[in-house]
Amino acid sequence: MIYKKVVHKFWLPIALILLICINWLASTFHNRIDVTAEQRFTLSKATKSLLKKVNEPLTFKVFLNDANLPSGFKQLAASTKDVLQEFKENSNNNIQFEFISADEQLPNNIAYADTLASSGLYPINLTSQLKNSQQQQYVYPFAVLQNQQKLISIELYIGKTPLINFTDVNSAEALLEYKLIEAIAKITQTKKPTIGYALGNGEPDLGRYNTYDLVENVLKPDYNLFTLNLNQNTFLPTEFKALIIVKPTTGFTDMQKLQLDQYVMQGGKLLLFIDRLNAEMDSLQIKNEVTAFDRDLKINDLLFNYGARINADLVMDLQCDYLPFDVNGNGQFELLPWNYFPVMTSSNSHPINKGLGFVVGRFVNSIDTVEAEGISKTVLLSSSINARTIGSPAIISGAQNVNAPENEAYNKPNISTAVLLEGKFKSMFTNRLSTAMEDSLTKNNRNFFTACGSSNKIILVADGDLVLNSVVKANPIEMGMNSYTYGTQREFPFANKAFLQNCLSYLINDNDLDEAKAKDYVVRLLDAKKVENQKTFWQIINIIVPIVIVLLIALIYQWLRKRSYTIQNG
C-alpha cells in the first residue's frame, strides 16, 4: 500500500527520469535491425574490419548542410549521416563528423566554397524540378576527410545530367559506404601501392602539360609512381601492382610484348589506354581536315590472345561533346556537337562504373571481345544507342559539321569502347619463344610462365586521350574537360578521372572493398497518380490517427485509475 502511494505521488519525476535514461541510452548505444532485401543498412565485413583498425582521430566535413537543398540531396545528407554514425560506432569513436555549409567562413575569412574550388571540387549548377517550374542552385556534394597530416576529398554525388533524378541520387546513396571507407583506407595506409608508367613507344612523358592531372591529382597522391622504359628493361618488376600504358604511338617489339606477357603471367595487372588510329586535333585545327590511319602498334596479337581486339575504326555518336565551328565562313565560331568525341557510359553495375557519370572520349576506337578460354569479359564503357563506326583510312573534316548529321546513319547501339578481362590468362609465347627470347630468359635467370597461377585482370580502353588533360591559357585543366567549353554554359563535369581512379582501385584492391561497392539499392518510387488522388486520405491518417490513439490511451488510463480507486474505497 505504501509502495502504491509512493508511485502515485512521484510518478511524474520517475517517468521523466526513465525518459532521460532511455534517450541517453539511445543516443549512446546506436543499433538497428536491417530488414531490407539489399541489406542497405548493414556494413560489409571488410568495412567493419578496416574501421576496427583505425587508431587515430579522423574527421569528416560534409558540405550538405543547407536548408534549401533539393529533397534528393537532403536524403543524401541524411544517408551520409547514418553511414558516418555507423562508422563512428565501429571505430571506437575515432571517427568524428560534422555537416557544414559551403558558404561558411574559415578563420581567415575565406569561404569553404572558394577552398573547394581551388582543390578542383566545383559545385554542381543543379536544376531541380518543381511542380510547375525549374529551380537552379549551386550544390556542393562533397566531403573531406582529414587527420593531422593529410586531407582527402570525396565526391558524394556524380550526376549524369544537370537534372536531379531518383536514379542518380539512389546510386549515390548505394556508393556512400564504399566512397567513405575508401577515403579512410587511403588516409590510414602506411605504405602506398607501387605502380609503373610505361615509356618507350611514344607515350606522353609525365612532365608534360597534358599529363598534369593524371600525375598530380590521381597517381602521386595515392601511389608510388615509377616510370619504366620498355626498351631499357629486360623484364618488368613484379613489385608493380599495376602497369599503365597511355597512348603509345610506335609499334611494340616482340621482346616488349614478352615483357608485358610475362608480367601478366606472374600476376601483374595492365591498364591500357590505346589509340589504334592516328587522329589528332592539332592536325585538324591546321588543315580543317585529317586522314585517320592505322598506327600499326603491333600489339593486337597480344590483346587477341587475352580475349579482346581494338578495331581500326572510329566511333561516331550523336551523344557527344562540343567544338567551335565557323558555320557561315565569316570568322564567327559557334559551338556544335562533334560526333568524333563520343560521350560514353555503361548499362551494367560493375564496381568500376557503378554510379559513374558520363565519360568523354576523343577519336575513340571500338573493341570486340573474342573467345579466350577461361576469360570473362565485362564491357565498362560503350556508346549511346545512336552511334556508328567508320573504317580506316577515315577522312575527318571540320566541314562535316556545317550540316546536321544524318541521324538515320547512327543506328548501331552500345558500341564497346572499354572492356575488363578477368581470368587465368595463357601466355601468347607458349611454344613460340625465339632463340633470342630464350637466351634473354637464361641470361636474366628468369623462368618462363605459360599461364597465370591465379585469376588476373586487364583493363583495355580504346582511347589514349581519355586520361590526358587539355590546357587553357597555359594552365592544365581537369581530364575530361573540354578546353573550348571550359568556363561556359556548355561545360559539364565528365567522369574521366573517377573512371581512372575506379579502374586502379579495382585492379589493386588491397583492402577487398568490392563488397561495399557492390551494394545495389532498389528504387521504390511512389505512384504519382495515387499520391495525388489519395493525398488527403493519408494526411488524415498521419495527423488524426495518432491524436485519436493518444486520446484513447488517456481515456483508458483514466478509466483504469477511476476503477482502481472505486475498488479500493469499496
Protein backbone atom coordinates (compact mmCIF):
# COMPACT_ATOMS: atom_id res chain seq x y z
CA MET A 1 0.00 0.00 0.00
CA ILE A 2 2.89 2.36 0.85
CA TYR A 3 4.57 1.41 -2.46
CA LYS A 4 1.43 2.37 -4.40
CA LYS A 5 1.23 5.72 -2.63
CA VAL A 6 4.90 6.48 -3.37
CA VAL A 7 4.45 5.56 -7.02
CA HIS A 8 1.26 7.64 -7.23
CA LYS A 9 2.97 10.64 -5.65
CA PHE A 10 6.23 10.54 -7.60
CA TRP A 11 5.08 9.03 -10.91
CA LEU A 12 5.90 12.17 -12.91
CA PRO A 13 9.57 12.53 -11.72
CA ILE A 14 10.05 8.77 -12.17
CA ALA A 15 8.66 8.94 -15.70
CA LEU A 16 10.92 11.89 -16.54
CA ILE A 17 13.99 10.09 -15.20
CA LEU A 18 13.12 6.98 -17.21
CA LEU A 19 12.65 9.05 -20.39
CA ILE A 20 16.02 10.77 -19.86
CA CYS A 21 17.74 7.42 -19.29
CA ILE A 22 16.13 5.88 -22.38
CA ASN A 23 17.14 8.87 -24.53
CA TRP A 24 20.71 8.76 -23.22
CA LEU A 25 20.96 5.03 -23.92
CA ALA A 26 19.51 5.51 -27.41
CA SER A 27 21.99 8.29 -28.25
CA THR A 28 24.97 6.40 -26.81
CA PHE A 29 24.25 2.86 -27.97
CA HIS A 30 23.01 3.11 -31.52
CA ASN A 31 21.72 -0.04 -33.20
CA ARG A 32 19.16 -1.03 -35.78
CA ILE A 33 17.73 -4.11 -37.40
CA ASP A 34 18.21 -4.24 -41.18
CA VAL A 35 15.16 -5.85 -42.79
CA THR A 36 15.82 -4.53 -46.32
CA ALA A 37 16.29 -7.10 -49.08
CA GLU A 38 19.55 -5.48 -50.23
CA GLN A 39 20.92 -5.06 -46.66
CA ARG A 40 21.00 -1.32 -47.16
CA PHE A 41 21.86 -0.52 -43.54
CA THR A 42 24.45 -3.25 -42.89
CA LEU A 43 28.16 -2.52 -43.22
CA SER A 44 30.23 -5.06 -45.14
CA LYS A 45 32.75 -7.27 -43.31
CA ALA A 46 35.70 -5.56 -44.99
CA THR A 47 34.40 -2.14 -43.88
CA LYS A 48 33.97 -3.25 -40.26
CA SER A 49 37.40 -4.85 -40.26
CA LEU A 50 39.04 -1.67 -41.54
CA LEU A 51 37.15 0.53 -39.07
CA LYS A 52 38.39 -1.57 -36.15
CA LYS A 53 41.96 -0.86 -37.26
CA VAL A 54 41.53 2.92 -37.11
CA ASN A 55 43.73 4.04 -34.23
CA GLU A 56 43.87 7.81 -34.78
CA PRO A 57 41.27 10.59 -34.77
CA LEU A 58 39.73 11.16 -38.22
CA THR A 59 37.25 13.90 -39.03
CA PHE A 60 34.78 14.12 -41.90
CA LYS A 61 33.44 17.50 -43.01
CA VAL A 62 30.33 17.12 -45.18
CA PHE A 63 29.16 20.12 -47.22
CA LEU A 64 25.48 19.24 -47.28
CA ASN A 65 24.14 21.45 -44.51
CA ASP A 66 21.91 23.84 -46.40
CA ALA A 67 18.23 24.28 -45.54
CA ASN A 68 17.47 25.00 -49.21
CA LEU A 69 18.88 21.76 -50.54
CA PRO A 70 16.66 19.89 -53.02
CA SER A 71 14.84 16.94 -51.46
CA GLY A 72 17.13 14.42 -53.20
CA PHE A 73 20.21 15.93 -51.61
CA LYS A 74 18.52 16.20 -48.22
CA GLN A 75 18.01 12.45 -48.47
CA LEU A 76 21.67 12.01 -49.49
CA ALA A 77 22.74 14.11 -46.50
CA ALA A 78 20.60 12.00 -44.15
CA SER A 79 22.02 8.77 -45.58
CA THR A 80 25.57 10.13 -45.26
CA LYS A 81 24.92 10.93 -41.60
CA ASP A 82 23.60 7.41 -40.98
CA VAL A 83 26.67 5.78 -42.55
CA LEU A 84 29.09 8.04 -40.67
CA GLN A 85 27.28 7.28 -37.41
CA GLU A 86 27.82 3.58 -38.09
CA PHE A 87 31.48 4.29 -38.85
CA LYS A 88 31.84 6.19 -35.60
CA GLU A 89 30.43 3.38 -33.50
CA ASN A 90 32.50 0.68 -35.23
CA SER A 91 35.75 2.65 -34.82
CA ASN A 92 35.59 3.21 -31.05
CA ASN A 93 34.66 6.85 -31.70
CA ASN A 94 37.93 7.54 -33.56
CA ILE A 95 35.83 8.83 -36.45
CA GLN A 96 34.01 12.12 -35.98
CA PHE A 97 31.95 14.13 -38.45
CA GLU A 98 30.23 17.45 -38.90
CA PHE A 99 27.90 18.89 -41.53
CA ILE A 100 28.69 22.42 -42.66
CA SER A 101 27.60 24.80 -45.41
CA ALA A 102 29.99 25.68 -48.21
CA ASP A 103 29.07 29.33 -47.58
CA GLU A 104 30.54 29.26 -44.07
CA GLN A 105 33.77 31.17 -43.47
CA LEU A 106 37.15 29.77 -42.48
CA PRO A 107 39.15 31.60 -39.77
CA ASN A 108 40.94 33.60 -42.50
CA ASN A 109 37.58 34.88 -43.83
CA ILE A 110 37.76 32.69 -46.93
CA ALA A 111 34.61 30.75 -47.72
CA TYR A 112 34.76 26.98 -47.82
CA ALA A 113 33.35 27.20 -51.36
CA ASP A 114 36.48 29.03 -52.58
CA THR A 115 38.73 26.45 -50.93
CA LEU A 116 36.80 23.61 -52.53
CA ALA A 117 37.04 25.22 -55.96
CA SER A 118 40.81 25.70 -55.59
CA SER A 119 41.05 21.96 -54.85
CA GLY A 120 39.18 21.06 -58.03
CA LEU A 121 35.83 20.42 -56.29
CA TYR A 122 33.48 22.56 -58.35
CA PRO A 123 29.80 22.92 -57.42
CA ILE A 124 27.02 21.44 -59.48
CA ASN A 125 24.78 24.06 -61.06
CA LEU A 126 21.80 21.85 -60.43
CA THR A 127 18.35 22.12 -61.91
CA SER A 128 15.66 20.80 -59.61
CA GLN A 129 12.17 20.17 -60.96
CA LEU A 130 9.41 21.95 -59.06
CA LYS A 131 5.73 21.35 -59.70
CA ASN A 132 5.32 23.98 -62.39
CA SER A 133 8.85 25.26 -62.94
CA GLN A 134 12.55 24.56 -62.52
CA GLN A 135 14.96 25.92 -59.94
CA GLN A 136 18.72 26.34 -60.33
CA GLN A 137 21.21 26.45 -57.46
CA TYR A 138 24.78 25.55 -56.60
CA VAL A 139 25.17 22.34 -54.63
CA TYR A 140 28.43 21.06 -53.12
CA PRO A 141 28.01 17.27 -52.80
CA PHE A 142 31.44 16.80 -51.29
CA ALA A 143 33.09 15.70 -48.08
CA VAL A 144 36.67 15.96 -46.88
CA LEU A 145 38.44 13.58 -44.53
CA GLN A 146 41.41 14.78 -42.53
CA ASN A 147 43.84 13.67 -39.88
CA GLN A 148 46.84 15.54 -38.52
CA GLN A 149 48.90 15.06 -41.68
CA LYS A 150 46.62 14.63 -44.71
CA LEU A 151 43.33 15.68 -46.25
CA ILE A 152 41.32 13.67 -48.78
CA SER A 153 38.36 14.96 -50.77
CA ILE A 154 35.33 12.78 -51.59
CA GLU A 155 32.67 13.26 -54.27
CA LEU A 156 29.38 12.03 -52.83
CA TYR A 157 27.35 12.51 -55.99
CA ILE A 158 28.18 12.28 -59.68
CA GLY A 159 25.11 13.04 -61.76
CA LYS A 160 24.82 12.18 -65.43
CA THR A 161 22.68 15.22 -66.22
CA PRO A 162 22.07 18.69 -64.69
CA LEU A 163 18.62 17.47 -63.62
CA ILE A 164 18.03 15.79 -60.28
CA ASN A 165 16.69 12.29 -60.77
CA PHE A 166 15.99 9.45 -58.36
CA THR A 167 18.30 7.03 -60.17
CA ASP A 168 21.44 9.15 -59.69
CA VAL A 169 20.63 10.03 -56.08
CA ASN A 170 19.83 6.39 -55.32
CA SER A 171 23.11 5.31 -56.90
CA ALA A 172 25.00 7.89 -54.84
CA GLU A 173 23.41 6.52 -51.66
CA ALA A 174 24.39 2.98 -52.59
CA LEU A 175 28.02 4.05 -53.03
CA LEU A 176 28.29 6.07 -49.82
CA GLU A 177 29.81 3.26 -47.74
CA TYR A 178 32.42 2.48 -50.39
CA LYS A 179 33.45 6.08 -51.03
CA LEU A 180 33.76 6.92 -47.34
CA ILE A 181 35.60 3.74 -46.34
CA GLU A 182 37.90 4.04 -49.37
CA ALA A 183 38.91 7.50 -48.15
CA ILE A 184 39.67 6.04 -44.72
CA ALA A 185 41.74 3.28 -46.34
CA LYS A 186 43.79 5.87 -48.25
CA ILE A 187 44.39 8.20 -45.33
CA THR A 188 45.39 5.41 -42.93
CA GLN A 189 47.60 3.39 -45.28
CA THR A 190 51.21 3.28 -44.11
CA LYS A 191 52.63 2.28 -47.48
CA LYS A 192 51.36 3.33 -50.89
CA PRO A 193 50.98 0.67 -53.61
CA THR A 194 53.64 0.87 -56.32
CA ILE A 195 52.57 1.25 -59.93
CA GLY A 196 54.52 1.69 -63.15
CA TYR A 197 54.06 4.03 -66.12
CA ALA A 198 55.44 2.58 -69.36
CA LEU A 199 57.59 4.56 -71.79
CA GLY A 200 59.49 3.60 -74.91
CA ASN A 201 56.69 3.56 -77.50
CA GLY A 202 55.91 7.24 -77.91
CA GLU A 203 53.80 7.59 -74.76
CA PRO A 204 53.48 11.15 -73.39
CA ASP A 205 56.12 11.97 -70.78
CA LEU A 206 54.90 12.58 -67.26
CA GLY A 207 56.38 16.07 -67.20
CA ARG A 208 54.16 17.37 -69.99
CA TYR A 209 51.17 19.64 -69.51
CA ASN A 210 48.71 17.06 -70.84
CA THR A 211 49.65 14.53 -68.13
CA TYR A 212 49.47 17.01 -65.23
CA ASP A 213 46.07 15.93 -63.89
CA LEU A 214 46.94 12.25 -64.34
CA VAL A 215 50.17 12.56 -62.37
CA GLU A 216 49.49 15.24 -59.77
CA ASN A 217 45.85 14.55 -58.92
CA VAL A 218 45.47 10.79 -59.46
CA LEU A 219 48.73 8.84 -59.38
CA LYS A 220 51.06 10.66 -56.99
CA PRO A 221 48.56 11.23 -54.13
CA ASP A 222 47.66 7.53 -53.81
CA TYR A 223 50.52 5.54 -55.33
CA ASN A 224 54.30 5.29 -55.51
CA LEU A 225 54.81 6.07 -59.19
CA PHE A 226 57.75 4.86 -61.27
CA THR A 227 58.38 5.31 -64.97
CA LEU A 228 59.84 2.38 -66.86
CA ASN A 229 61.22 2.35 -70.40
CA LEU A 230 60.37 -0.94 -72.10
CA ASN A 231 63.40 -0.51 -74.38
CA GLN A 232 65.84 -0.30 -71.48
CA ASN A 233 64.47 -3.07 -69.23
CA THR A 234 64.52 -6.78 -69.87
CA PHE A 235 61.63 -7.71 -67.56
CA LEU A 236 59.08 -5.80 -65.52
CA PRO A 237 59.35 -5.77 -61.71
CA THR A 238 56.66 -7.94 -60.13
CA GLU A 239 56.57 -5.40 -57.27
CA PHE A 240 54.46 -3.19 -59.53
CA LYS A 241 50.82 -3.65 -58.53
CA ALA A 242 49.80 -2.39 -61.97
CA LEU A 243 51.37 -1.07 -65.15
CA ILE A 244 49.76 1.82 -67.07
CA ILE A 245 50.29 2.32 -70.80
CA VAL A 246 48.88 5.58 -72.18
CA LYS A 247 48.60 6.40 -75.89
CA PRO A 248 51.59 4.62 -77.45
CA THR A 249 52.34 5.86 -80.96
CA THR A 250 55.02 3.40 -82.17
CA GLY A 251 54.83 -0.36 -82.57
CA PHE A 252 55.71 -2.86 -79.83
CA THR A 253 58.56 -5.29 -80.46
CA ASP A 254 58.35 -9.00 -79.67
CA MET A 255 60.69 -8.51 -76.70
CA GLN A 256 58.48 -5.74 -75.31
CA LYS A 257 55.41 -7.93 -75.71
CA LEU A 258 57.25 -10.76 -73.93
CA GLN A 259 57.89 -8.38 -71.03
CA LEU A 260 54.20 -7.50 -70.81
CA ASP A 261 53.13 -11.11 -71.24
CA GLN A 262 55.37 -12.49 -68.50
CA TYR A 263 54.40 -9.62 -66.19
CA VAL A 264 50.75 -10.67 -66.60
CA MET A 265 51.58 -14.36 -66.14
CA GLN A 266 53.15 -13.52 -62.76
CA GLY A 267 50.10 -11.62 -61.52
CA GLY A 268 50.81 -8.11 -62.82
CA LYS A 269 47.79 -6.02 -63.84
CA LEU A 270 47.64 -3.99 -67.04
CA LEU A 271 45.68 -0.75 -67.57
CA LEU A 272 45.87 0.17 -71.26
CA PHE A 273 44.65 3.38 -72.94
CA ILE A 274 45.37 2.84 -76.63
CA ASP A 275 44.56 4.72 -79.84
CA ARG A 276 44.86 2.36 -82.78
CA LEU A 277 44.30 5.13 -85.33
CA ASN A 278 46.38 8.27 -85.73
CA ALA A 279 43.84 11.09 -85.46
CA GLU A 280 44.88 14.29 -83.68
CA MET A 281 43.12 17.60 -83.05
CA ASP A 282 46.34 19.56 -83.81
CA SER A 283 46.30 18.38 -87.43
CA LEU A 284 42.58 19.08 -87.77
CA GLN A 285 42.99 22.65 -86.49
CA ILE A 286 45.75 23.38 -89.01
CA LYS A 287 44.13 21.99 -92.17
CA ASN A 288 40.48 21.53 -91.07
CA GLU A 289 40.83 18.01 -92.42
CA VAL A 290 42.86 14.98 -91.40
CA THR A 291 43.08 11.37 -92.53
CA ALA A 292 42.98 8.87 -89.65
CA PHE A 293 45.18 5.86 -90.37
CA ASP A 294 46.37 2.76 -88.51
CA ARG A 295 49.39 3.34 -86.26
CA ASP A 296 50.38 -0.33 -86.65
CA LEU A 297 51.13 -0.73 -82.93
CA LYS A 298 51.68 -4.48 -83.36
CA ILE A 299 50.01 -5.23 -80.02
CA ASN A 300 46.68 -6.61 -81.21
CA ASP A 301 48.01 -10.17 -81.32
CA LEU A 302 48.81 -9.99 -77.60
CA LEU A 303 45.41 -8.48 -76.78
CA PHE A 304 43.65 -11.02 -79.03
CA ASN A 305 45.31 -13.81 -77.06
CA TYR A 306 43.85 -12.33 -73.85
CA GLY A 307 40.33 -12.00 -75.31
CA ALA A 308 39.93 -8.58 -76.93
CA ARG A 309 40.68 -6.70 -80.15
CA ILE A 310 40.86 -2.98 -80.90
CA ASN A 311 39.32 -2.31 -84.30
CA ALA A 312 40.79 0.01 -86.92
CA ASP A 313 37.79 2.34 -86.89
CA LEU A 314 36.38 5.42 -85.23
CA VAL A 315 33.22 5.62 -83.14
CA MET A 316 30.83 8.44 -84.06
CA ASP A 317 27.96 9.21 -81.71
CA LEU A 318 25.03 11.63 -81.62
CA GLN A 319 25.64 11.81 -77.86
CA CYS A 320 28.87 13.80 -77.95
CA ASP A 321 30.91 16.78 -76.76
CA TYR A 322 31.17 20.18 -78.47
CA LEU A 323 33.72 22.01 -80.65
CA PRO A 324 33.67 25.52 -82.17
CA PHE A 325 32.99 25.73 -85.93
CA ASP A 326 32.92 28.60 -88.41
CA VAL A 327 29.44 27.84 -89.73
CA ASN A 328 28.98 30.78 -92.11
CA GLY A 329 32.62 31.26 -93.09
CA ASN A 330 32.72 34.76 -91.61
CA GLY A 331 35.02 34.00 -88.67
CA GLN A 332 32.20 33.81 -86.12
CA PHE A 333 32.51 30.47 -84.39
CA GLU A 334 29.64 28.50 -82.91
CA LEU A 335 29.78 25.54 -80.53
CA LEU A 336 28.35 22.47 -82.26
CA PRO A 337 28.21 18.76 -81.40
CA TRP A 338 31.33 16.94 -82.65
CA ASN A 339 30.40 13.31 -83.26
CA TYR A 340 34.02 12.12 -83.05
CA PHE A 341 34.04 12.99 -79.31
CA PRO A 342 31.54 10.39 -78.01
CA VAL A 343 30.10 10.70 -74.51
CA MET A 344 30.19 7.16 -73.16
CA THR A 345 28.54 5.26 -70.35
CA SER A 346 27.72 1.69 -69.37
CA SER A 347 24.49 -0.05 -68.52
CA ASN A 348 25.98 -2.68 -66.19
CA SER A 349 26.56 -2.23 -62.46
CA HIS A 350 30.15 -3.42 -62.20
CA PRO A 351 32.07 -1.87 -59.25
CA ILE A 352 34.24 0.12 -61.68
CA ASN A 353 31.43 2.04 -63.34
CA LYS A 354 28.63 1.72 -60.82
CA GLY A 355 27.24 5.18 -60.13
CA LEU A 356 29.67 6.66 -62.65
CA GLY A 357 28.73 9.69 -64.70
CA PHE A 358 29.39 10.12 -68.40
CA VAL A 359 32.94 9.67 -69.72
CA VAL A 360 34.03 11.64 -72.78
CA GLY A 361 36.49 10.40 -75.39
CA ARG A 362 38.36 11.74 -78.41
CA PHE A 363 38.62 9.79 -81.64
CA VAL A 364 37.70 6.53 -79.94
CA ASN A 365 38.04 3.05 -81.47
CA SER A 366 35.62 0.18 -80.97
CA ILE A 367 36.53 -3.05 -79.17
CA ASP A 368 35.47 -6.59 -79.96
CA THR A 369 35.74 -9.39 -77.45
CA VAL A 370 36.98 -12.72 -78.80
CA GLU A 371 36.97 -16.27 -77.50
CA ALA A 372 39.67 -16.93 -74.88
CA GLU A 373 39.39 -20.00 -72.67
CA GLY A 374 38.67 -19.19 -69.03
CA ILE A 375 38.50 -15.40 -69.58
CA SER A 376 35.39 -13.39 -68.68
CA LYS A 377 34.74 -10.05 -70.37
CA THR A 378 32.86 -7.08 -68.93
CA VAL A 379 32.07 -4.01 -71.01
CA LEU A 380 32.94 -0.95 -68.94
CA LEU A 381 32.21 1.82 -71.45
CA SER A 382 30.12 1.94 -74.60
CA SER A 383 28.49 4.41 -76.95
CA SER A 384 24.89 5.52 -76.79
CA ILE A 385 22.15 3.76 -78.75
CA ASN A 386 22.64 6.26 -81.61
CA ALA A 387 26.15 5.58 -82.86
CA ARG A 388 28.11 4.28 -85.82
CA THR A 389 31.65 3.33 -86.80
CA ILE A 390 33.71 4.37 -89.82
CA GLY A 391 36.66 2.32 -91.01
CA SER A 392 40.19 3.48 -91.76
CA PRO A 393 41.59 5.29 -93.52
CA ALA A 394 38.94 7.75 -92.35
CA ILE A 395 38.75 11.33 -93.59
CA ILE A 396 37.82 13.66 -90.74
CA SER A 397 36.75 17.13 -91.84
CA GLY A 398 35.54 20.13 -89.89
CA ALA A 399 33.25 20.89 -92.81
CA GLN A 400 31.15 17.89 -91.79
CA ASN A 401 29.59 19.94 -89.01
CA VAL A 402 28.33 22.67 -91.31
CA ASN A 403 25.33 20.45 -91.99
CA ALA A 404 23.39 18.47 -89.40
CA PRO A 405 24.35 14.79 -89.20
CA GLU A 406 22.22 12.20 -90.96
CA ASN A 407 20.62 10.70 -87.87
CA GLU A 408 19.42 7.57 -89.64
CA ALA A 409 23.07 6.59 -90.23
CA TYR A 410 23.64 6.40 -86.45
CA ASN A 411 21.87 3.10 -85.99
CA LYS A 412 24.43 0.98 -84.13
CA PRO A 413 23.74 0.88 -80.37
CA ASN A 414 26.11 0.35 -77.43
CA ILE A 415 29.43 0.03 -79.26
CA SER A 416 32.03 -1.27 -76.79
CA THR A 417 34.96 1.08 -76.12
CA ALA A 418 36.40 -0.24 -72.83
CA VAL A 419 36.48 -3.80 -71.51
CA LEU A 420 37.63 -5.64 -68.40
CA LEU A 421 39.25 -9.06 -68.91
CA GLU A 422 39.46 -11.43 -65.93
CA GLY A 423 40.69 -14.99 -65.53
CA LYS A 424 43.77 -17.19 -65.81
CA PHE A 425 45.46 -15.79 -68.89
CA LYS A 426 47.65 -18.03 -71.02
CA SER A 427 50.93 -16.86 -72.50
CA MET A 428 50.97 -15.92 -76.17
CA PHE A 429 54.55 -17.18 -76.37
CA THR A 430 53.93 -20.79 -75.36
CA ASN A 431 55.82 -22.90 -77.94
CA ARG A 432 56.71 -19.66 -79.74
CA LEU A 433 59.84 -18.49 -77.92
CA SER A 434 62.61 -17.42 -80.27
CA THR A 435 66.26 -18.22 -79.59
CA ALA A 436 66.85 -14.59 -78.60
CA MET A 437 63.97 -14.75 -76.10
CA GLU A 438 65.25 -17.99 -74.56
CA ASP A 439 68.74 -16.51 -74.28
CA SER A 440 67.33 -13.40 -72.59
CA LEU A 441 65.41 -15.52 -70.07
CA THR A 442 68.50 -17.59 -69.30
CA LYS A 443 70.78 -14.54 -69.05
CA ASN A 444 68.46 -12.86 -66.53
CA ASN A 445 67.84 -16.07 -64.58
CA ARG A 446 64.12 -15.95 -65.38
CA ASN A 447 61.66 -18.77 -65.69
CA PHE A 448 59.12 -18.81 -68.49
CA PHE A 449 55.50 -18.90 -67.28
CA THR A 450 52.95 -20.45 -69.63
CA ALA A 451 49.87 -19.28 -67.68
CA CYS A 452 48.73 -17.29 -64.66
CA GLY A 453 48.81 -19.19 -61.39
CA SER A 454 45.65 -17.41 -60.22
CA SER A 455 42.97 -15.16 -61.66
CA ASN A 456 44.29 -11.88 -63.02
CA LYS A 457 42.86 -8.65 -64.50
CA ILE A 458 43.46 -6.47 -67.56
CA ILE A 459 41.54 -3.31 -68.49
CA LEU A 460 41.64 -2.17 -72.10
CA VAL A 461 40.33 1.26 -73.16
CA ALA A 462 40.33 2.15 -76.87
CA ASP A 463 41.11 5.84 -76.32
CA GLY A 464 44.51 7.21 -75.38
CA ASP A 465 43.23 10.74 -74.76
CA LEU A 466 40.69 9.73 -72.12
CA VAL A 467 43.16 10.27 -69.23
CA LEU A 468 45.03 13.25 -70.71
CA ASN A 469 44.07 16.85 -69.95
CA SER A 470 43.76 19.96 -72.08
CA VAL A 471 45.41 23.33 -71.40
CA VAL A 472 43.66 26.70 -71.14
CA LYS A 473 45.81 29.84 -71.12
CA ALA A 474 48.94 27.82 -70.27
CA ASN A 475 47.14 26.17 -67.33
CA PRO A 476 46.26 22.46 -67.34
CA ILE A 477 42.62 21.69 -66.63
CA GLU A 478 40.99 18.50 -65.37
CA MET A 479 40.97 15.43 -67.62
CA GLY A 480 37.67 15.10 -69.44
CA MET A 481 37.13 18.88 -69.57
CA ASN A 482 36.81 20.49 -72.98
CA SER A 483 39.13 23.49 -73.42
CA TYR A 484 36.61 25.09 -75.82
CA THR A 485 33.63 24.86 -73.45
CA TYR A 486 35.65 25.44 -70.26
CA GLY A 487 34.03 28.22 -68.24
CA THR A 488 30.93 28.39 -70.46
CA GLN A 489 27.37 27.18 -70.04
CA ARG A 490 28.29 24.14 -72.15
CA GLU A 491 30.79 22.96 -69.53
CA PHE A 492 29.88 19.63 -67.97
CA PRO A 493 31.81 17.65 -65.32
CA PHE A 494 32.63 14.40 -67.12
CA ALA A 495 33.74 11.45 -65.00
CA ASN A 496 37.05 10.56 -66.72
CA LYS A 497 39.05 10.96 -63.54
CA ALA A 498 36.60 8.92 -61.47
CA PHE A 499 36.70 6.18 -64.10
CA LEU A 500 40.51 6.04 -63.95
CA GLN A 501 40.52 6.00 -60.14
CA ASN A 502 37.93 3.22 -60.10
CA CYS A 503 39.97 1.16 -62.57
CA LEU A 504 43.10 1.44 -60.44
CA SER A 505 41.22 0.67 -57.22
CA TYR A 506 39.65 -2.43 -58.77
CA LEU A 507 42.91 -3.72 -60.20
CA ILE A 508 44.88 -3.27 -56.99
CA ASN A 509 42.09 -3.87 -54.42
CA ASP A 510 44.35 -4.26 -51.37
CA ASN A 511 41.51 -3.78 -48.87
CA ASP A 512 38.91 -6.06 -50.52
CA LEU A 513 36.26 -3.31 -50.54
CA ASP A 514 34.37 -4.62 -53.55
CA GLU A 515 31.58 -5.94 -51.32
CA ALA A 516 30.85 -2.40 -50.16
CA LYS A 517 30.81 -1.11 -53.71
CA ALA A 518 28.66 -3.97 -55.00
CA LYS A 519 25.66 -2.86 -52.93
CA ASP A 520 22.65 -2.02 -55.02
CA TYR A 521 19.70 -0.05 -53.71
CA VAL A 522 16.35 -0.77 -55.29
CA VAL A 523 14.47 2.38 -56.28
CA ARG A 524 10.95 2.05 -54.93
CA LEU A 525 9.11 5.02 -56.37
CA LEU A 526 5.66 6.14 -55.38
CA ASP A 527 2.84 6.08 -57.92
CA ALA A 528 2.38 9.77 -58.77
CA LYS A 529 -1.31 9.35 -59.65
CA LYS A 530 -2.11 7.53 -56.42
CA VAL A 531 -0.19 10.13 -54.42
CA GLU A 532 -2.25 12.90 -55.98
CA ASN A 533 -5.60 11.07 -55.59
CA GLN A 534 -5.04 9.73 -52.05
CA LYS A 535 -3.04 12.63 -50.60
CA THR A 536 -5.85 13.91 -48.35
CA PHE A 537 -6.69 10.44 -47.05
CA TRP A 538 -3.12 9.70 -45.95
CA GLN A 539 -2.73 13.19 -44.46
CA ILE A 540 -5.76 12.47 -42.27
CA ILE A 541 -4.36 9.05 -41.33
CA ASN A 542 -1.00 10.52 -40.35
CA ILE A 543 -2.38 13.52 -38.44
CA ILE A 544 -5.66 12.40 -36.92
CA VAL A 545 -4.99 8.75 -36.09
CA PRO A 546 -2.03 9.42 -33.74
CA ILE A 547 -4.12 12.00 -31.86
CA VAL A 548 -7.04 9.57 -31.57
CA ILE A 549 -4.71 6.85 -30.25
CA VAL A 550 -3.27 9.20 -27.61
CA LEU A 551 -6.77 10.23 -26.52
CA LEU A 552 -7.88 6.59 -26.30
CA ILE A 553 -4.87 5.72 -24.16
CA ALA A 554 -5.63 8.68 -21.90
CA LEU A 555 -9.31 7.66 -21.54
CA ILE A 556 -8.37 4.05 -20.82
CA TYR A 557 -5.80 5.19 -18.27
CA GLN A 558 -8.35 7.43 -16.55
CA TRP A 559 -10.95 4.66 -16.56
CA LEU A 560 -8.50 2.16 -15.06
CA ARG A 561 -7.40 4.70 -12.46
CA LYS A 562 -11.00 5.52 -11.53
CA ARG A 563 -11.86 1.84 -11.37
CA SER A 564 -8.86 1.13 -9.14
CA TYR A 565 -9.87 3.84 -6.65
CA THR A 566 -13.51 2.68 -6.71
CA ILE A 567 -12.45 -0.87 -5.79
CA GLN A 568 -10.12 0.39 -3.01
CA ASN A 569 -12.82 2.63 -1.49
CA GLY A 570 -15.44 -0.06 -1.87
